[in-house]
Amino acid sequence: MRHPKFISRTVLVRNGNLDEAVGIVNKIMGKEGFFDQFRRTRFYEKPTQFRRRINYEKCKALYDEDMNRKIQFILRKHRHNPFPGCI
């Protein structure tokens, strides 16, 4: 049985299985970017490193968005000619 949807970050512990619940909490925190934020604030980040990281994240977000758009374009259904240019 799958774990039910999260309600305000509540994790159910089933049959006293705490390891599974901690794994789910870690997965949630990882998706939210909590661990990345924690790792970044452990040590001082120079302003140049900060700018480089921010620029990299912006470029990566643009690239990922563009690639997802292209993939969705290719995988779309109900096209009149699914293989344009082919005979």
C-alpha atoms as a PDB file:
ATOM      1  CA  MET A   1       0.000   0.000   0.000  1.00  0.00           C
ATOM      2  CA  ARG A   2       1.314   3.435  -0.927  1.00  0.00           C
ATOM      3  CA  HIS A   3       1.802   6.174   1.608  1.00  0.00           C
ATOM      4  CA  PRO A   4      -1.132   8.637   1.649  1.00  0.00           C
ATOM      5  CA  LYS A   5      -0.678  12.199   0.424  1.00  0.00           C
ATOM      6  CA  PHE A   6       1.163  14.511   2.780  1.00  0.00           C
ATOM      7  CA  ILE A   7      -1.028  16.779   4.890  1.00  0.00           C
ATOM      8  CA  SER A   8       1.002  19.754   6.123  1.00  0.00           C
ATOM      9  CA  ARG A   9       4.149  17.645   6.221  1.00  0.00           C
ATOM     10  CA  THR A  10       2.722  14.900   8.414  1.00  0.00           C
ATOM     11  CA  VAL A  11       4.355  11.503   8.027  1.00  0.00           C
ATOM     12  CA  LEU A  12       2.638   8.406   9.337  1.00  0.00           C
ATOM     13  CA  VAL A  13       4.700   5.752  11.122  1.00  0.00           C
ATOM     14  CA  ARG A  14       3.294   2.370  10.174  1.00  0.00           C
ATOM     15  CA  ASN A  15       3.799  -0.667  12.415  1.00  0.00           C
ATOM     16  CA  GLY A  16       6.506   1.149  14.379  1.00  0.00           C
ATOM     17  CA  ASN A  17       8.747   1.313  11.290  1.00  0.00           C
ATOM     18  CA  LEU A  18      10.604   4.512  12.110  1.00  0.00           C
ATOM     19  CA  ASP A  19      13.313   4.026   9.473  1.00  0.00           C
ATOM     20  CA  GLU A  20      10.764   4.185   6.659  1.00  0.00           C
ATOM     21  CA  ALA A  21       9.181   7.335   8.130  1.00  0.00           C
ATOM     22  CA  VAL A  22      12.579   9.043   8.461  1.00  0.00           C
ATOM     23  CA  GLY A  23      13.339   8.131   4.852  1.00  0.00           C
ATOM     24  CA  ILE A  24      10.100   9.751   3.730  1.00  0.00           C
ATOM     25  CA  VAL A  25      10.884  12.894   5.749  1.00  0.00           C
ATOM     26  CA  ASN A  26      14.358  13.049   4.202  1.00  0.00           C
ATOM     27  CA  LYS A  27      12.857  12.685   0.723  1.00  0.00           C
ATOM     28  CA  ILE A  28      10.434  15.552   1.382  1.00  0.00           C
ATOM     29  CA  MET A  29      13.193  17.776   2.744  1.00  0.00           C
ATOM     30  CA  GLY A  30      15.417  16.958  -0.223  1.00  0.00           C
ATOM     31  CA  LYS A  31      12.713  17.914  -2.727  1.00  0.00           C
ATOM     32  CA  GLU A  32      12.086  21.174  -0.874  1.00  0.00           C
ATOM     33  CA  GLY A  33      15.774  22.066  -1.128  1.00  0.00           C
ATOM     34  CA  PHE A  34      16.327  22.076   2.616  1.00  0.00           C
ATOM     35  CA  PHE A  35      19.564  20.107   2.488  1.00  0.00           C
ATOM     36  CA  ASP A  36      20.991  22.270  -0.296  1.00  0.00           C
ATOM     37  CA  GLN A  37      20.255  25.382   1.740  1.00  0.00           C
ATOM     38  CA  PHE A  38      21.856  23.800   4.793  1.00  0.00           C
ATOM     39  CA  ARG A  39      25.018  22.874   2.887  1.00  0.00           C
ATOM     40  CA  ARG A  40      25.285  26.363   1.411  1.00  0.00           C
ATOM     41  CA  THR A  41      25.041  28.093   4.781  1.00  0.00           C
ATOM     42  CA  ARG A  42      27.534  25.867   6.603  1.00  0.00           C
ATOM     43  CA  PHE A  43      30.454  27.913   5.296  1.00  0.00           C
ATOM     44  CA  TYR A  44      30.851  31.448   4.050  1.00  0.00           C
ATOM     45  CA  GLU A  45      30.282  31.805   0.330  1.00  0.00           C
ATOM     46  CA  LYS A  46      32.303  34.486  -1.390  1.00  0.00           C
ATOM     47  CA  PRO A  47      30.296  37.013  -3.419  1.00  0.00           C
ATOM     48  CA  THR A  48      31.898  35.820  -6.668  1.00  0.00           C
ATOM     49  CA  GLN A  49      30.978  32.211  -5.874  1.00  0.00           C
ATOM     50  CA  PHE A  50      27.468  33.351  -4.974  1.00  0.00           C
ATOM     51  CA  ARG A  51      27.056  35.133  -8.333  1.00  0.00           C
ATOM     52  CA  ARG A  52      28.447  32.162 -10.240  1.00  0.00           C
ATOM     53  CA  ARG A  53      26.080  29.767  -8.454  1.00  0.00           C
ATOM     54  CA  ILE A  54      23.041  31.995  -9.042  1.00  0.00           C
ATOM     55  CA  ASN A  55      23.904  32.414 -12.743  1.00  0.00           C
ATOM     56  CA  TYR A  56      24.422  28.656 -13.093  1.00  0.00           C
ATOM     57  CA  GLU A  57      21.059  27.922 -11.462  1.00  0.00           C
ATOM     58  CA  LYS A  58      19.309  30.408 -13.748  1.00  0.00           C
ATOM     59  CA  CYS A  59      20.916  28.926 -16.868  1.00  0.00           C
ATOM     60  CA  LYS A  60      20.110  25.382 -15.730  1.00  0.00           C
ATOM     61  CA  ALA A  61      16.465  26.305 -15.083  1.00  0.00           C
ATOM     62  CA  LEU A  62      16.161  27.862 -18.563  1.00  0.00           C
ATOM     63  CA  TYR A  63      17.806  24.844 -20.195  1.00  0.00           C
ATOM     64  CA  ASP A  64      15.606  22.370 -18.317  1.00  0.00           C
ATOM     65  CA  GLU A  65      12.466  24.340 -19.191  1.00  0.00           C
ATOM     66  CA  ASP A  66      13.441  24.474 -22.867  1.00  0.00           C
ATOM     67  CA  MET A  67      14.269  20.759 -23.008  1.00  0.00           C
ATOM     68  CA  ASN A  68      11.001  19.820 -21.293  1.00  0.00           C
ATOM     69  CA  ARG A  69       9.110  21.975 -23.802  1.00  0.00           C
ATOM     70  CA  LYS A  70      10.880  20.282 -26.719  1.00  0.00           C
ATOM     71  CA  ILE A  71      10.276  16.800 -25.302  1.00  0.00           C
ATOM     72  CA  GLN A  72       6.582  17.534 -24.794  1.00  0.00           C
ATOM     73  CA  PHE A  73       6.399  18.864 -28.361  1.00  0.00           C
ATOM     74  CA  ILE A  74       7.890  15.654 -29.734  1.00  0.00           C
ATOM     75  CA  LEU A  75       5.752  13.372 -27.550  1.00  0.00           C
ATOM     76  CA  ARG A  76       2.439  15.103 -28.269  1.00  0.00           C
ATOM     77  CA  LYS A  77      -0.379  12.982 -29.641  1.00  0.00           C
ATOM     78  CA  HIS A  78      -3.017  13.463 -32.313  1.00  0.00           C
ATOM     79  CA  ARG A  79      -0.708  14.985 -34.875  1.00  0.00           C
ATOM     80  CA  HIS A  80      -1.837  15.174 -38.509  1.00  0.00           C
ATOM     81  CA  ASN A  81       1.546  14.075 -39.811  1.00  0.00           C
ATOM     82  CA  PRO A  82       3.482  12.407 -36.980  1.00  0.00           C
ATOM     83  CA  PHE A  83       6.701  12.160 -39.051  1.00  0.00           C
ATOM     84  CA  PRO A  84       7.044  15.390 -41.058  1.00  0.00           C
ATOM     85  CA  GLY A  85       9.600  15.239 -43.823  1.00  0.00           C
ATOM     86  CA  CYS A  86       9.402  11.458 -44.165  1.00  0.00           C
ATOM     87  CA  ILE A  87       7.781   9.790 -47.134  1.00  0.00           C
END
